[in-house]
Amino acid sequence: MKVSVVYAQAEEQTWLPVEIEENATVMTAIHSAGILSMYPHIDLESQKVGIFGKISSLEATLTEGDRVEIYRPITWTPEDEDDD
């Protein structure tokens, strides 16, 4: 079946179509896409993953056409609150 694996950085977005077996997992799709070799900084132990915007586990079963998403950590730095 066909699914896709996506990863978005601030400056680059990657969308990889991949063919996997029926009842394959999120982890299987990620490995089949080869995205971990493209982005070795991805840490699946700490980064969340999802299917069509909904957080899921790496063991979640996929269906035809699913979009597996690897979420990068959100970083935000507050503006300096001093008006000096």
N, C-alpha and C. Protein backbone atom coordinates (compact mmCIF):
# COMPACT_ATOMS: atom_id res chain seq x y z
N MET A 1 0.84 -1.18 0.00
CA MET A 1 0.00 0.00 0.00
C MET A 1 0.89 1.24 0.00
N LYS A 2 0.33 2.34 -0.45
CA LYS A 2 1.09 3.59 -0.54
C LYS A 2 0.75 4.51 0.63
N VAL A 3 1.81 5.02 1.26
CA VAL A 3 1.68 6.04 2.31
C VAL A 3 2.78 7.06 2.04
N SER A 4 2.82 8.11 2.83
CA SER A 4 3.91 9.08 2.72
C SER A 4 4.46 9.39 4.10
N VAL A 5 5.71 9.80 4.11
CA VAL A 5 6.40 10.19 5.34
C VAL A 5 6.86 11.62 5.13
N VAL A 6 6.53 12.49 6.08
CA VAL A 6 6.90 13.89 5.95
C VAL A 6 7.66 14.38 7.17
N TYR A 7 8.55 15.33 6.91
CA TYR A 7 9.31 15.99 7.98
C TYR A 7 9.55 17.42 7.53
N ALA A 8 9.23 18.36 8.40
CA ALA A 8 9.38 19.77 8.05
C ALA A 8 10.35 20.45 9.01
N GLN A 9 11.35 21.06 8.43
CA GLN A 9 12.23 21.94 9.19
C GLN A 9 11.84 23.36 8.82
N ALA A 10 12.39 24.31 9.52
CA ALA A 10 12.04 25.71 9.24
C ALA A 10 12.38 26.08 7.80
N GLU A 11 13.49 25.58 7.29
CA GLU A 11 13.95 25.97 5.97
C GLU A 11 13.73 24.92 4.88
N GLU A 12 13.25 23.74 5.24
CA GLU A 12 13.10 22.68 4.25
C GLU A 12 12.00 21.70 4.66
N GLN A 13 11.19 21.29 3.70
CA GLN A 13 10.15 20.31 3.95
C GLN A 13 10.41 19.10 3.04
N THR A 14 10.24 17.92 3.59
CA THR A 14 10.46 16.69 2.83
C THR A 14 9.21 15.82 2.88
N TRP A 15 8.79 15.38 1.71
CA TRP A 15 7.60 14.53 1.57
C TRP A 15 8.05 13.32 0.75
N LEU A 16 8.03 12.13 1.35
CA LEU A 16 8.52 10.94 0.68
C LEU A 16 7.40 9.90 0.54
N PRO A 17 6.99 9.59 -0.69
CA PRO A 17 6.04 8.50 -0.87
C PRO A 17 6.76 7.17 -0.66
N VAL A 18 6.07 6.21 -0.07
CA VAL A 18 6.69 4.90 0.18
C VAL A 18 5.64 3.80 0.03
N GLU A 19 6.09 2.67 -0.47
CA GLU A 19 5.24 1.50 -0.63
C GLU A 19 5.57 0.54 0.51
N ILE A 20 4.56 0.16 1.28
CA ILE A 20 4.76 -0.75 2.41
C ILE A 20 3.71 -1.86 2.38
N GLU A 21 3.94 -2.88 3.18
CA GLU A 21 3.00 -4.00 3.28
C GLU A 21 1.73 -3.58 4.02
N GLU A 22 0.64 -4.27 3.77
CA GLU A 22 -0.60 -4.05 4.52
C GLU A 22 -0.32 -4.23 6.01
N ASN A 23 -1.00 -3.45 6.84
CA ASN A 23 -0.88 -3.51 8.30
C ASN A 23 0.51 -3.15 8.82
N ALA A 24 1.29 -2.43 8.02
CA ALA A 24 2.61 -1.97 8.47
C ALA A 24 2.42 -0.86 9.51
N THR A 25 3.47 -0.62 10.28
CA THR A 25 3.42 0.38 11.34
C THR A 25 4.05 1.70 10.91
N VAL A 26 3.86 2.71 11.74
CA VAL A 26 4.49 4.01 11.53
C VAL A 26 6.01 3.84 11.44
N MET A 27 6.57 3.04 12.35
CA MET A 27 8.02 2.82 12.36
C MET A 27 8.48 2.17 11.06
N THR A 28 7.73 1.21 10.55
CA THR A 28 8.08 0.56 9.28
C THR A 28 8.11 1.57 8.15
N ALA A 29 7.13 2.45 8.09
CA ALA A 29 7.08 3.47 7.03
C ALA A 29 8.27 4.42 7.14
N ILE A 30 8.60 4.83 8.35
CA ILE A 30 9.73 5.74 8.55
C ILE A 30 11.02 5.09 8.07
N HIS A 31 11.24 3.85 8.45
CA HIS A 31 12.46 3.16 8.01
C HIS A 31 12.45 2.90 6.51
N SER A 32 11.32 2.53 5.95
CA SER A 32 11.23 2.27 4.51
C SER A 32 11.49 3.52 3.68
N ALA A 33 11.10 4.68 4.20
CA ALA A 33 11.31 5.94 3.49
C ALA A 33 12.77 6.38 3.49
N GLY A 34 13.56 5.88 4.44
CA GLY A 34 14.96 6.27 4.52
C GLY A 34 15.19 7.67 5.07
N ILE A 35 14.19 8.22 5.71
CA ILE A 35 14.29 9.61 6.17
C ILE A 35 15.29 9.78 7.32
N LEU A 36 15.51 8.72 8.09
CA LEU A 36 16.46 8.82 9.21
C LEU A 36 17.89 8.97 8.71
N SER A 37 18.21 8.44 7.55
CA SER A 37 19.55 8.64 7.00
C SER A 37 19.68 10.02 6.37
N MET A 38 18.57 10.58 5.92
CA MET A 38 18.59 11.94 5.36
C MET A 38 18.73 12.99 6.45
N TYR A 39 18.12 12.72 7.59
CA TYR A 39 18.12 13.65 8.73
C TYR A 39 18.55 12.90 9.98
N PRO A 40 19.86 12.67 10.15
CA PRO A 40 20.33 11.88 11.29
C PRO A 40 20.05 12.52 12.65
N HIS A 41 19.69 13.78 12.67
CA HIS A 41 19.38 14.44 13.94
C HIS A 41 17.98 14.08 14.46
N ILE A 42 17.15 13.42 13.64
CA ILE A 42 15.83 13.00 14.11
C ILE A 42 16.02 11.97 15.22
N ASP A 43 15.37 12.19 16.34
CA ASP A 43 15.46 11.29 17.49
C ASP A 43 14.06 10.79 17.83
N LEU A 44 13.73 9.61 17.35
CA LEU A 44 12.38 9.07 17.55
C LEU A 44 12.10 8.73 19.01
N GLU A 45 13.14 8.71 19.85
CA GLU A 45 12.94 8.49 21.28
C GLU A 45 12.34 9.73 21.95
N SER A 46 12.64 10.91 21.38
CA SER A 46 12.15 12.14 22.01
C SER A 46 11.15 12.91 21.15
N GLN A 47 11.23 12.76 19.83
CA GLN A 47 10.31 13.48 18.96
C GLN A 47 9.01 12.72 18.78
N LYS A 48 7.93 13.46 18.69
CA LYS A 48 6.63 12.85 18.49
C LYS A 48 6.39 12.57 17.01
N VAL A 49 5.51 11.60 16.76
CA VAL A 49 5.09 11.27 15.40
C VAL A 49 3.58 11.28 15.36
N GLY A 50 3.04 11.38 14.15
CA GLY A 50 1.59 11.38 14.03
C GLY A 50 1.15 10.93 12.66
N ILE A 51 -0.16 10.79 12.52
CA ILE A 51 -0.78 10.44 11.24
C ILE A 51 -1.82 11.51 10.96
N PHE A 52 -1.64 12.24 9.88
CA PHE A 52 -2.55 13.34 9.51
C PHE A 52 -2.83 14.29 10.68
N GLY A 53 -1.77 14.71 11.37
CA GLY A 53 -1.91 15.72 12.40
C GLY A 53 -2.37 15.23 13.76
N LYS A 54 -2.52 13.93 13.91
CA LYS A 54 -2.94 13.37 15.19
C LYS A 54 -1.80 12.52 15.75
N ILE A 55 -1.34 12.86 16.96
CA ILE A 55 -0.23 12.14 17.58
C ILE A 55 -0.55 10.65 17.63
N SER A 56 0.45 9.84 17.31
CA SER A 56 0.29 8.39 17.38
C SER A 56 1.59 7.77 17.87
N SER A 57 1.55 6.47 18.07
CA SER A 57 2.75 5.76 18.50
C SER A 57 3.48 5.22 17.27
N LEU A 58 4.72 4.82 17.48
CA LEU A 58 5.49 4.23 16.39
C LEU A 58 4.93 2.87 15.99
N GLU A 59 4.15 2.26 16.87
CA GLU A 59 3.57 0.94 16.61
C GLU A 59 2.18 1.01 15.97
N ALA A 60 1.66 2.22 15.75
CA ALA A 60 0.33 2.37 15.16
C ALA A 60 0.31 1.77 13.75
N THR A 61 -0.79 1.11 13.43
CA THR A 61 -0.95 0.49 12.11
C THR A 61 -1.45 1.52 11.10
N LEU A 62 -0.91 1.48 9.92
CA LEU A 62 -1.26 2.43 8.87
C LEU A 62 -2.28 1.83 7.90
N THR A 63 -2.98 2.73 7.21
CA THR A 63 -3.89 2.33 6.14
C THR A 63 -3.48 3.06 4.87
N GLU A 64 -3.98 2.58 3.76
CA GLU A 64 -3.68 3.16 2.44
C GLU A 64 -3.85 4.68 2.45
N GLY A 65 -2.84 5.39 1.97
CA GLY A 65 -2.93 6.84 1.83
C GLY A 65 -2.56 7.65 3.05
N ASP A 66 -2.24 7.00 4.17
CA ASP A 66 -1.89 7.75 5.38
C ASP A 66 -0.65 8.60 5.16
N ARG A 67 -0.59 9.71 5.90
CA ARG A 67 0.59 10.58 5.91
C ARG A 67 1.21 10.51 7.30
N VAL A 68 2.39 9.93 7.38
CA VAL A 68 3.13 9.83 8.63
C VAL A 68 3.93 11.11 8.78
N GLU A 69 3.80 11.74 9.94
CA GLU A 69 4.48 13.01 10.19
C GLU A 69 5.45 12.85 11.36
N ILE A 70 6.65 13.36 11.19
CA ILE A 70 7.62 13.40 12.29
C ILE A 70 7.70 14.85 12.71
N TYR A 71 7.39 15.10 13.98
CA TYR A 71 7.33 16.48 14.47
C TYR A 71 8.66 16.89 15.07
N ARG A 72 9.11 18.07 14.70
CA ARG A 72 10.34 18.59 15.29
C ARG A 72 9.99 19.29 16.60
N PRO A 73 10.97 19.38 17.48
CA PRO A 73 10.71 20.08 18.74
C PRO A 73 10.35 21.53 18.48
N ILE A 74 9.41 22.02 19.23
CA ILE A 74 9.03 23.43 19.11
C ILE A 74 9.97 24.24 19.98
N THR A 75 10.58 25.22 19.38
CA THR A 75 11.46 26.11 20.14
C THR A 75 10.91 27.52 20.04
N TRP A 76 10.88 28.16 21.16
CA TRP A 76 10.37 29.51 21.21
C TRP A 76 11.17 30.27 22.26
N THR A 77 11.63 31.43 21.88
CA THR A 77 12.36 32.28 22.81
C THR A 77 11.56 33.55 23.00
N PRO A 78 11.16 33.82 24.24
CA PRO A 78 10.37 35.04 24.46
C PRO A 78 11.21 36.29 24.19
N GLU A 79 10.53 37.31 23.72
CA GLU A 79 11.23 38.58 23.52
C GLU A 79 11.64 39.14 24.88
N ASP A 80 12.69 39.91 24.88
CA ASP A 80 13.15 40.54 26.12
C ASP A 80 12.05 41.45 26.64
N GLU A 81 11.65 41.19 27.86
CA GLU A 81 10.54 41.96 28.44
C GLU A 81 10.99 43.29 29.03
N ASP A 82 12.29 43.48 29.16
CA ASP A 82 12.77 44.75 29.69
C ASP A 82 12.67 45.84 28.63
N ASP A 83 12.14 46.98 29.02
CA ASP A 83 12.03 48.09 28.09
C ASP A 83 13.16 49.10 28.27
N ASP A 84 14.24 48.65 28.89
CA ASP A 84 15.35 49.55 29.17
C ASP A 84 16.06 49.96 27.94
